[in-house]
Amino acid sequence: MATSQTAAGGADAELLSADGVPRGRSGGVQSLDRAFALLEIMAEAGGEISLSQLAESSGLPLPTIHRIIRTLVASGYVRQLPSRRYALGPRLIGLGESASRMLGTWARPHLAQLVDELGETANLAMLDGDKVVYVAQVPSAHAMRMFTEVGRRVLPHSAGVGKALLAQLPDREALAMVRRTGMPAATERTITTPEEFAGELARIRERGYAIDDGEQEIGVRCLAVPVRGGPAMMAVSISGPESRMTWAFVERAAPIVQRVAMALACDLNNQS
């Protein structure tokens, strides 16, 4: 998250943003920039934060932060907790659901391409707190196929998409997440220790894709790829029965899924 520094002139002085926001922005546009920046900082902090932490992360003066936060609280985008800390508010849920639907709309042609080329069910997933949420899917045409309900949330350590997502994080953050979830065993193949999971993340980063080899459901294999360079942290996957998704199939499919993930990232960036 880019931070901002205040120029001379007090609480409402012009900011020079590290990400290139120019000086001379109108007051309304500048306030929007600041409000969105504060919401993003809150999200990165886990959805709850104090005013002093917001000031430290944003570089904005406390009076400016307090004024913006009051406006966001009044409109329902932020709520104040009994502890006097601030949390993301309920009105963001509707926005997030609408954005998720649009993301699914944009992603489906890319997922359909994977199904056409590889024949297996294709999924798009994102992190939602400490869990993974499936936001789009195009099913295989096979009679025996994998199906995951859009909106379903799963623990990341046993899912191919979860591994691909966590591999995009520093080890410290990824391992802290799986420690919080407890890493329960879904099958006898599930990785259940942070130490073993750290080794798995290293392998994923080296080869560029993640595998769920019957770790979430016996007899099911999943190949997942990070969507690098997109507007948010996402992963694309294909999944099917081990009888069809052999290791030879995985080796052939990996570059195809990587190519589609790159095209999806480019498409989403052009939409934003």
C-alpha atoms as a PDB file:
ATOM      1  CA  MET A   1       0.000   0.000   0.000  1.00  0.00           C
ATOM      2  CA  ALA A   2       1.511   3.318  -1.021  1.00  0.00           C
ATOM      3  CA  THR A   3       1.853   5.825   1.780  1.00  0.00           C
ATOM      4  CA  SER A   4       1.448   9.570   1.526  1.00  0.00           C
ATOM      5  CA  GLN A   5       3.346  12.437   3.056  1.00  0.00           C
ATOM      6  CA  THR A   6       1.908  15.803   4.056  1.00  0.00           C
ATOM      7  CA  ALA A   7       3.301  18.971   2.575  1.00  0.00           C
ATOM      8  CA  ALA A   8       3.657  22.092   4.684  1.00  0.00           C
ATOM      9  CA  GLY A   9       0.364  23.769   5.420  1.00  0.00           C
ATOM     10  CA  GLY A  10      -1.431  21.768   8.106  1.00  0.00           C
ATOM     11  CA  ALA A  11      -4.019  19.020   8.283  1.00  0.00           C
ATOM     12  CA  ASP A  12      -5.646  19.745   4.951  1.00  0.00           C
ATOM     13  CA  ALA A  13      -2.414  20.308   3.033  1.00  0.00           C
ATOM     14  CA  GLU A  14      -1.997  18.714  -0.368  1.00  0.00           C
ATOM     15  CA  LEU A  15      -0.615  15.159  -0.358  1.00  0.00           C
ATOM     16  CA  LEU A  16       2.019  13.916  -2.736  1.00  0.00           C
ATOM     17  CA  SER A  17       1.207  10.215  -3.133  1.00  0.00           C
ATOM     18  CA  ALA A  18       4.013   7.692  -3.507  1.00  0.00           C
ATOM     19  CA  ASP A  19       2.018   5.957  -6.235  1.00  0.00           C
ATOM     20  CA  GLY A  20       2.026   9.042  -8.440  1.00  0.00           C
ATOM     21  CA  VAL A  21      -1.180  10.890  -7.520  1.00  0.00           C
ATOM     22  CA  PRO A  22      -0.346  14.442  -8.639  1.00  0.00           C
ATOM     23  CA  ARG A  23      -0.556  17.618  -6.642  1.00  0.00           C
ATOM     24  CA  GLY A  24      -3.380  19.963  -7.395  1.00  0.00           C
ATOM     25  CA  ARG A  25      -6.224  17.441  -7.070  1.00  0.00           C
ATOM     26  CA  SER A  26      -9.569  19.036  -6.270  1.00  0.00           C
ATOM     27  CA  GLY A  27     -10.750  18.722  -2.671  1.00  0.00           C
ATOM     28  CA  GLY A  28     -13.489  16.219  -3.515  1.00  0.00           C
ATOM     29  CA  VAL A  29     -11.252  13.950  -5.569  1.00  0.00           C
ATOM     30  CA  GLN A  30      -8.497  14.152  -2.973  1.00  0.00           C
ATOM     31  CA  SER A  31     -10.949  13.202  -0.225  1.00  0.00           C
ATOM     32  CA  LEU A  32     -12.054  10.192  -2.272  1.00  0.00           C
ATOM     33  CA  ASP A  33      -8.428   9.154  -2.764  1.00  0.00           C
ATOM     34  CA  ARG A  34      -7.867   9.372   0.969  1.00  0.00           C
ATOM     35  CA  ALA A  35     -11.082   7.556   1.896  1.00  0.00           C
ATOM     36  CA  PHE A  36     -10.322   4.633  -0.417  1.00  0.00           C
ATOM     37  CA  ALA A  37      -6.741   4.527   0.850  1.00  0.00           C
ATOM     38  CA  LEU A  38      -7.984   4.286   4.452  1.00  0.00           C
ATOM     39  CA  LEU A  39     -10.453   1.517   3.554  1.00  0.00           C
ATOM     40  CA  GLU A  40      -7.669  -0.450   1.872  1.00  0.00           C
ATOM     41  CA  ILE A  41      -5.428  -0.033   4.903  1.00  0.00           C
ATOM     42  CA  MET A  42      -8.245  -1.300   7.123  1.00  0.00           C
ATOM     43  CA  ALA A  43      -8.733  -4.317   4.855  1.00  0.00           C
ATOM     44  CA  GLU A  44      -5.015  -5.111   4.867  1.00  0.00           C
ATOM     45  CA  ALA A  45      -5.064  -4.924   8.680  1.00  0.00           C
ATOM     46  CA  GLY A  46      -7.745  -7.612   8.819  1.00  0.00           C
ATOM     47  CA  GLY A  47     -10.764  -5.300   8.758  1.00  0.00           C
ATOM     48  CA  GLU A  48     -10.232  -3.624  12.144  1.00  0.00           C
ATOM     49  CA  ILE A  49      -7.801  -0.851  13.138  1.00  0.00           C
ATOM     50  CA  SER A  50      -7.236   2.152  15.422  1.00  0.00           C
ATOM     51  CA  LEU A  51      -6.962   5.783  14.340  1.00  0.00           C
ATOM     52  CA  SER A  52      -3.310   5.899  15.363  1.00  0.00           C
ATOM     53  CA  GLN A  53      -2.561   2.858  13.203  1.00  0.00           C
ATOM     54  CA  LEU A  54      -4.358   4.484  10.280  1.00  0.00           C
ATOM     55  CA  ALA A  55      -2.250   7.604  10.758  1.00  0.00           C
ATOM     56  CA  GLU A  56       0.961   5.594  10.890  1.00  0.00           C
ATOM     57  CA  SER A  57       0.120   3.590   7.758  1.00  0.00           C
ATOM     58  CA  SER A  58      -1.303   6.424   5.659  1.00  0.00           C
ATOM     59  CA  GLY A  59       0.859   9.373   6.671  1.00  0.00           C
ATOM     60  CA  LEU A  60      -2.290  11.497   7.009  1.00  0.00           C
ATOM     61  CA  PRO A  61      -2.809  13.813   9.991  1.00  0.00           C
ATOM     62  CA  LEU A  62      -5.188  12.556  12.667  1.00  0.00           C
ATOM     63  CA  PRO A  63      -7.711  15.411  12.190  1.00  0.00           C
ATOM     64  CA  THR A  64      -7.995  14.545   8.483  1.00  0.00           C
ATOM     65  CA  ILE A  65      -8.413  10.829   9.242  1.00  0.00           C
ATOM     66  CA  HIS A  66     -11.005  11.544  11.900  1.00  0.00           C
ATOM     67  CA  ARG A  67     -13.056  13.690   9.512  1.00  0.00           C
ATOM     68  CA  ILE A  68     -12.988  11.041   6.758  1.00  0.00           C
ATOM     69  CA  ILE A  69     -13.775   8.205   9.166  1.00  0.00           C
ATOM     70  CA  ARG A  70     -16.756  10.130  10.574  1.00  0.00           C
ATOM     71  CA  THR A  71     -18.153  10.422   7.046  1.00  0.00           C
ATOM     72  CA  LEU A  72     -17.576   6.701   6.350  1.00  0.00           C
ATOM     73  CA  VAL A  73     -19.238   5.741   9.654  1.00  0.00           C
ATOM     74  CA  ALA A  74     -22.260   7.927   8.902  1.00  0.00           C
ATOM     75  CA  SER A  75     -22.695   6.239   5.513  1.00  0.00           C
ATOM     76  CA  GLY A  76     -22.254   2.706   6.887  1.00  0.00           C
ATOM     77  CA  TYR A  77     -18.955   1.886   5.149  1.00  0.00           C
ATOM     78  CA  VAL A  78     -17.109   1.880   8.492  1.00  0.00           C
ATOM     79  CA  ARG A  79     -18.374   1.143  11.995  1.00  0.00           C
ATOM     80  CA  GLN A  80     -16.967   2.087  15.382  1.00  0.00           C
ATOM     81  CA  LEU A  81     -16.460  -0.767  17.832  1.00  0.00           C
ATOM     82  CA  PRO A  82     -16.993  -0.564  21.614  1.00  0.00           C
ATOM     83  CA  SER A  83     -13.200  -0.576  21.937  1.00  0.00           C
ATOM     84  CA  ARG A  84     -13.202   2.705  19.929  1.00  0.00           C
ATOM     85  CA  ARG A  85     -11.362   0.955  17.106  1.00  0.00           C
ATOM     86  CA  TYR A  86     -12.858   1.039  13.630  1.00  0.00           C
ATOM     87  CA  ALA A  87     -13.946  -1.836  11.391  1.00  0.00           C
ATOM     88  CA  LEU A  88     -15.165  -2.230   7.819  1.00  0.00           C
ATOM     89  CA  GLY A  89     -18.905  -1.629   7.716  1.00  0.00           C
ATOM     90  CA  PRO A  90     -21.883  -3.635   6.459  1.00  0.00           C
ATOM     91  CA  ARG A  91     -22.552  -1.467   3.372  1.00  0.00           C
ATOM     92  CA  LEU A  92     -19.318  -2.784   1.878  1.00  0.00           C
ATOM     93  CA  ILE A  93     -20.838  -6.287   1.773  1.00  0.00           C
ATOM     94  CA  GLY A  94     -23.285  -5.359  -0.953  1.00  0.00           C
ATOM     95  CA  LEU A  95     -20.542  -3.663  -2.962  1.00  0.00           C
ATOM     96  CA  GLY A  96     -18.324  -6.714  -2.564  1.00  0.00           C
ATOM     97  CA  GLU A  97     -21.066  -9.083  -3.679  1.00  0.00           C
ATOM     98  CA  SER A  98     -21.751  -6.977  -6.767  1.00  0.00           C
ATOM     99  CA  ALA A  99     -18.046  -6.783  -7.572  1.00  0.00           C
ATOM    100  CA  SER A 100     -17.749 -10.547  -7.114  1.00  0.00           C
ATOM    101  CA  ARG A 101     -20.577 -11.122  -9.597  1.00  0.00           C
ATOM    102  CA  MET A 102     -18.892  -8.835 -12.117  1.00  0.00           C
ATOM    103  CA  LEU A 103     -15.576 -10.622 -11.569  1.00  0.00           C
ATOM    104  CA  GLY A 104     -17.298 -13.910 -12.317  1.00  0.00           C
ATOM    105  CA  THR A 105     -18.778 -12.442 -15.501  1.00  0.00           C
ATOM    106  CA  TRP A 106     -15.361 -11.272 -16.713  1.00  0.00           C
ATOM    107  CA  ALA A 107     -13.665 -14.522 -15.735  1.00  0.00           C
ATOM    108  CA  ARG A 108     -16.099 -17.013 -17.283  1.00  0.00           C
ATOM    109  CA  PRO A 109     -14.840 -16.733 -20.890  1.00  0.00           C
ATOM    110  CA  HIS A 110     -11.324 -17.556 -19.676  1.00  0.00           C
ATOM    111  CA  LEU A 111     -12.565 -20.457 -17.558  1.00  0.00           C
ATOM    112  CA  ALA A 112     -14.634 -21.706 -20.498  1.00  0.00           C
ATOM    113  CA  GLN A 113     -11.471 -21.668 -22.613  1.00  0.00           C
ATOM    114  CA  LEU A 114      -9.797 -23.943 -20.058  1.00  0.00           C
ATOM    115  CA  VAL A 115     -12.743 -26.337 -20.127  1.00  0.00           C
ATOM    116  CA  ASP A 116     -12.669 -26.370 -23.944  1.00  0.00           C
ATOM    117  CA  GLU A 117      -8.917 -27.067 -24.063  1.00  0.00           C
ATOM    118  CA  LEU A 118      -8.556 -29.435 -21.114  1.00  0.00           C
ATOM    119  CA  GLY A 119     -12.014 -30.873 -20.518  1.00  0.00           C
ATOM    120  CA  GLU A 120     -12.063 -30.423 -16.744  1.00  0.00           C
ATOM    121  CA  THR A 121     -13.967 -28.065 -14.441  1.00  0.00           C
ATOM    122  CA  ALA A 122     -12.356 -24.630 -14.119  1.00  0.00           C
ATOM    123  CA  ASN A 123     -12.581 -22.355 -11.075  1.00  0.00           C
ATOM    124  CA  LEU A 124     -11.578 -18.870  -9.954  1.00  0.00           C
ATOM    125  CA  ALA A 125     -10.971 -18.246  -6.249  1.00  0.00           C
ATOM    126  CA  MET A 126      -9.877 -15.458  -3.897  1.00  0.00           C
ATOM    127  CA  LEU A 127      -8.910 -15.137  -0.236  1.00  0.00           C
ATOM    128  CA  ASP A 128     -11.684 -14.064   2.122  1.00  0.00           C
ATOM    129  CA  GLY A 129     -10.150 -13.547   5.533  1.00  0.00           C
ATOM    130  CA  ASP A 130      -8.499 -16.845   6.479  1.00  0.00           C
ATOM    131  CA  LYS A 131     -10.532 -18.850   3.971  1.00  0.00           C
ATOM    132  CA  VAL A 132     -10.726 -19.251   0.214  1.00  0.00           C
ATOM    133  CA  VAL A 133     -13.935 -18.317  -1.595  1.00  0.00           C
ATOM    134  CA  TYR A 134     -14.843 -19.626  -5.039  1.00  0.00           C
ATOM    135  CA  VAL A 135     -16.099 -16.703  -7.146  1.00  0.00           C
ATOM    136  CA  ALA A 136     -16.609 -18.307 -10.571  1.00  0.00           C
ATOM    137  CA  GLN A 137     -16.823 -21.749 -12.154  1.00  0.00           C
ATOM    138  CA  VAL A 138     -17.369 -23.360 -15.544  1.00  0.00           C
ATOM    139  CA  PRO A 139     -18.148 -27.091 -15.198  1.00  0.00           C
ATOM    140  CA  SER A 140     -16.729 -29.912 -17.273  1.00  0.00           C
ATOM    141  CA  ALA A 141     -18.920 -31.599 -19.857  1.00  0.00           C
ATOM    142  CA  HIS A 142     -17.992 -35.045 -18.474  1.00  0.00           C
ATOM    143  CA  ALA A 143     -20.750 -36.974 -16.714  1.00  0.00           C
ATOM    144  CA  MET A 144     -18.356 -37.491 -13.779  1.00  0.00           C
ATOM    145  CA  ARG A 145     -17.038 -34.033 -12.940  1.00  0.00           C
ATOM    146  CA  MET A 146     -16.060 -31.871 -10.029  1.00  0.00           C
ATOM    147  CA  PHE A 147     -18.527 -29.260  -8.795  1.00  0.00           C
ATOM    148  CA  THR A 148     -17.866 -26.557  -6.205  1.00  0.00           C
ATOM    149  CA  GLU A 149     -20.645 -24.108  -5.419  1.00  0.00           C
ATOM    150  CA  VAL A 150     -19.752 -20.490  -6.197  1.00  0.00           C
ATOM    151  CA  GLY A 151     -19.526 -18.696  -2.857  1.00  0.00           C
ATOM    152  CA  ARG A 152     -18.271 -21.776  -1.015  1.00  0.00           C
ATOM    153  CA  ARG A 153     -15.483 -21.076   1.492  1.00  0.00           C
ATOM    154  CA  VAL A 154     -12.769 -23.616   2.265  1.00  0.00           C
ATOM    155  CA  LEU A 155      -9.589 -23.692   4.321  1.00  0.00           C
ATOM    156  CA  PRO A 156      -6.562 -22.832   2.179  1.00  0.00           C
ATOM    157  CA  HIS A 157      -4.060 -25.487   3.256  1.00  0.00           C
ATOM    158  CA  SER A 158      -5.854 -28.436   1.639  1.00  0.00           C
ATOM    159  CA  ALA A 159      -7.096 -26.773  -1.567  1.00  0.00           C
ATOM    160  CA  GLY A 160      -5.058 -26.247  -4.716  1.00  0.00           C
ATOM    161  CA  VAL A 161      -6.387 -22.701  -5.109  1.00  0.00           C
ATOM    162  CA  GLY A 162      -5.637 -22.022  -1.440  1.00  0.00           C
ATOM    163  CA  LYS A 163      -2.030 -23.128  -1.855  1.00  0.00           C
ATOM    164  CA  ALA A 164      -1.649 -21.033  -5.017  1.00  0.00           C
ATOM    165  CA  LEU A 165      -3.030 -17.998  -3.177  1.00  0.00           C
ATOM    166  CA  LEU A 166      -0.879 -18.423  -0.071  1.00  0.00           C
ATOM    167  CA  ALA A 167       2.232 -18.946  -2.207  1.00  0.00           C
ATOM    168  CA  GLN A 168       1.812 -15.307  -3.279  1.00  0.00           C
ATOM    169  CA  LEU A 169       2.269 -14.179   0.345  1.00  0.00           C
ATOM    170  CA  PRO A 170       5.489 -14.018   2.387  1.00  0.00           C
ATOM    171  CA  ASP A 171       5.984 -17.213   4.419  1.00  0.00           C
ATOM    172  CA  ARG A 172       5.396 -15.324   7.654  1.00  0.00           C
ATOM    173  CA  GLU A 173       1.890 -14.249   6.583  1.00  0.00           C
ATOM    174  CA  ALA A 174       0.972 -17.560   4.945  1.00  0.00           C
ATOM    175  CA  LEU A 175       2.053 -19.666   7.912  1.00  0.00           C
ATOM    176  CA  ALA A 176       0.356 -17.333  10.395  1.00  0.00           C
ATOM    177  CA  MET A 177      -2.873 -17.891   8.471  1.00  0.00           C
ATOM    178  CA  VAL A 178      -2.709 -21.690   8.485  1.00  0.00           C
ATOM    179  CA  ARG A 179      -1.764 -21.668  12.164  1.00  0.00           C
ATOM    180  CA  ARG A 180      -4.930 -19.687  12.876  1.00  0.00           C
ATOM    181  CA  THR A 181      -7.091 -22.178  10.958  1.00  0.00           C
ATOM    182  CA  GLY A 182      -5.515 -25.170  12.705  1.00  0.00           C
ATOM    183  CA  MET A 183      -4.818 -27.157   9.501  1.00  0.00           C
ATOM    184  CA  PRO A 184      -7.327 -29.993  10.063  1.00  0.00           C
ATOM    185  CA  ALA A 185      -6.916 -33.131   7.928  1.00  0.00           C
ATOM    186  CA  ALA A 186      -9.628 -33.469   5.277  1.00  0.00           C
ATOM    187  CA  THR A 187      -8.046 -36.727   4.053  1.00  0.00           C
ATOM    188  CA  GLU A 188      -5.017 -38.805   4.960  1.00  0.00           C
ATOM    189  CA  ARG A 189      -3.032 -36.860   2.324  1.00  0.00           C
ATOM    190  CA  THR A 190      -3.712 -33.393   3.787  1.00  0.00           C
ATOM    191  CA  ILE A 191      -0.677 -31.388   4.901  1.00  0.00           C
ATOM    192  CA  THR A 192      -1.242 -30.686   8.591  1.00  0.00           C
ATOM    193  CA  THR A 193       1.924 -28.964   9.883  1.00  0.00           C
ATOM    194  CA  PRO A 194       3.212 -25.443   9.149  1.00  0.00           C
ATOM    195  CA  GLU A 195       6.728 -26.804   8.608  1.00  0.00           C
ATOM    196  CA  GLU A 196       5.613 -29.185   5.864  1.00  0.00           C
ATOM    197  CA  PHE A 197       3.383 -26.495   4.393  1.00  0.00           C
ATOM    198  CA  ALA A 198       6.318 -24.073   4.154  1.00  0.00           C
ATOM    199  CA  GLY A 199       8.139 -26.642   2.015  1.00  0.00           C
ATOM    200  CA  GLU A 200       5.040 -27.005  -0.162  1.00  0.00           C
ATOM    201  CA  LEU A 201       4.892 -23.230  -0.706  1.00  0.00           C
ATOM    202  CA  ALA A 202       8.539 -23.209  -1.784  1.00  0.00           C
ATOM    203  CA  ARG A 203       7.828 -25.936  -4.356  1.00  0.00           C
ATOM    204  CA  ILE A 204       4.822 -24.022  -5.684  1.00  0.00           C
ATOM    205  CA  ARG A 205       6.855 -20.850  -6.164  1.00  0.00           C
ATOM    206  CA  GLU A 206       9.596 -22.788  -7.934  1.00  0.00           C
ATOM    207  CA  ARG A 207       7.379 -24.604 -10.441  1.00  0.00           C
ATOM    208  CA  GLY A 208       4.685 -21.900 -10.791  1.00  0.00           C
ATOM    209  CA  TYR A 209       1.608 -23.941  -9.876  1.00  0.00           C
ATOM    210  CA  ALA A 210       0.005 -25.777  -6.961  1.00  0.00           C
ATOM    211  CA  ILE A 211      -1.397 -29.307  -6.714  1.00  0.00           C
ATOM    212  CA  ASP A 212      -4.127 -30.692  -4.481  1.00  0.00           C
ATOM    213  CA  ASP A 213      -3.443 -34.416  -4.768  1.00  0.00           C
ATOM    214  CA  GLY A 214      -6.489 -35.865  -3.021  1.00  0.00           C
ATOM    215  CA  GLU A 215      -5.829 -33.603  -0.030  1.00  0.00           C
ATOM    216  CA  GLN A 216      -9.338 -32.168   0.096  1.00  0.00           C
ATOM    217  CA  GLU A 217     -11.234 -35.103  -1.346  1.00  0.00           C
ATOM    218  CA  ILE A 218      -9.946 -38.616  -2.060  1.00  0.00           C
ATOM    219  CA  GLY A 219      -9.743 -39.406  -5.759  1.00  0.00           C
ATOM    220  CA  VAL A 220      -9.790 -35.748  -6.861  1.00  0.00           C
ATOM    221  CA  ARG A 221      -6.772 -33.891  -8.224  1.00  0.00           C
ATOM    222  CA  CYS A 222      -6.561 -30.119  -8.727  1.00  0.00           C
ATOM    223  CA  LEU A 223      -4.034 -27.948 -10.568  1.00  0.00           C
ATOM    224  CA  ALA A 224      -4.052 -24.271  -9.531  1.00  0.00           C
ATOM    225  CA  VAL A 225      -2.135 -21.247 -10.790  1.00  0.00           C
ATOM    226  CA  PRO A 226      -1.805 -17.754  -9.293  1.00  0.00           C
ATOM    227  CA  VAL A 227      -3.279 -14.909 -11.340  1.00  0.00           C
ATOM    228  CA  ARG A 228      -0.169 -12.720 -11.206  1.00  0.00           C
ATOM    229  CA  GLY A 229      -0.340  -9.025 -11.973  1.00  0.00           C
ATOM    230  CA  GLY A 230      -4.102  -8.769 -11.656  1.00  0.00           C
ATOM    231  CA  PRO A 231      -5.989  -6.128  -9.666  1.00  0.00           C
ATOM    232  CA  ALA A 232      -6.430  -8.540  -6.728  1.00  0.00           C
ATOM    233  CA  MET A 233      -4.894 -11.766  -5.446  1.00  0.00           C
ATOM    234  CA  MET A 234      -6.628 -14.651  -7.228  1.00  0.00           C
ATOM    235  CA  ALA A 235      -6.008 -18.192  -8.427  1.00  0.00           C
ATOM    236  CA  VAL A 236      -7.358 -20.217 -11.349  1.00  0.00           C
ATOM    237  CA  SER A 237      -7.704 -23.995 -11.177  1.00  0.00           C
ATOM    238  CA  ILE A 238      -8.872 -27.067 -13.008  1.00  0.00           C
ATOM    239  CA  SER A 239     -10.034 -30.134 -11.097  1.00  0.00           C
ATOM    240  CA  GLY A 240     -11.147 -33.639 -11.936  1.00  0.00           C
ATOM    241  CA  PRO A 241     -10.829 -37.306 -11.009  1.00  0.00           C
ATOM    242  CA  GLU A 242      -7.322 -38.723 -10.728  1.00  0.00           C
ATOM    243  CA  SER A 243      -8.174 -41.230 -13.452  1.00  0.00           C
ATOM    244  CA  ARG A 244      -8.318 -38.374 -15.981  1.00  0.00           C
ATOM    245  CA  MET A 245      -6.005 -35.864 -14.313  1.00  0.00           C
ATOM    246  CA  THR A 246      -2.925 -38.072 -14.466  1.00  0.00           C
ATOM    247  CA  TRP A 247       0.535 -36.647 -13.795  1.00  0.00           C
ATOM    248  CA  ALA A 248       1.169 -36.577 -17.534  1.00  0.00           C
ATOM    249  CA  PHE A 249      -2.047 -34.566 -17.955  1.00  0.00           C
ATOM    250  CA  VAL A 250      -0.954 -32.153 -15.191  1.00  0.00           C
ATOM    251  CA  GLU A 251       2.399 -31.573 -16.900  1.00  0.00           C
ATOM    252  CA  ARG A 252       0.654 -30.826 -20.196  1.00  0.00           C
ATOM    253  CA  ALA A 253      -2.061 -28.683 -18.603  1.00  0.00           C
ATOM    254  CA  ALA A 254       0.110 -26.476 -16.373  1.00  0.00           C
ATOM    255  CA  PRO A 255       1.384 -24.108 -19.105  1.00  0.00           C
ATOM    256  CA  ILE A 256      -2.130 -23.834 -20.536  1.00  0.00           C
ATOM    257  CA  VAL A 257      -3.592 -22.809 -17.166  1.00  0.00           C
ATOM    258  CA  GLN A 258      -0.699 -20.363 -16.668  1.00  0.00           C
ATOM    259  CA  ARG A 259      -1.348 -18.797 -20.071  1.00  0.00           C
ATOM    260  CA  VAL A 260      -5.062 -18.385 -19.322  1.00  0.00           C
ATOM    261  CA  ALA A 261      -4.272 -16.907 -15.889  1.00  0.00           C
ATOM    262  CA  MET A 262      -2.037 -14.298 -17.536  1.00  0.00           C
ATOM    263  CA  ALA A 263      -4.760 -13.448 -20.070  1.00  0.00           C
ATOM    264  CA  LEU A 264      -7.310 -13.123 -17.260  1.00  0.00           C
ATOM    265  CA  ALA A 265      -5.030 -10.733 -15.311  1.00  0.00           C
ATOM    266  CA  CYS A 266      -4.596  -8.595 -18.437  1.00  0.00           C
ATOM    267  CA  ASP A 267      -8.337  -8.574 -19.104  1.00  0.00           C
ATOM    268  CA  LEU A 268      -9.215  -7.621 -15.526  1.00  0.00           C
ATOM    269  CA  ASN A 269      -6.649  -4.800 -15.525  1.00  0.00           C
ATOM    270  CA  ASN A 270      -8.194  -3.426 -18.722  1.00  0.00           C
ATOM    271  CA  GLN A 271     -11.631  -3.548 -17.078  1.00  0.00           C
ATOM    272  CA  SER A 272     -10.488  -1.535 -14.070  1.00  0.00           C
END
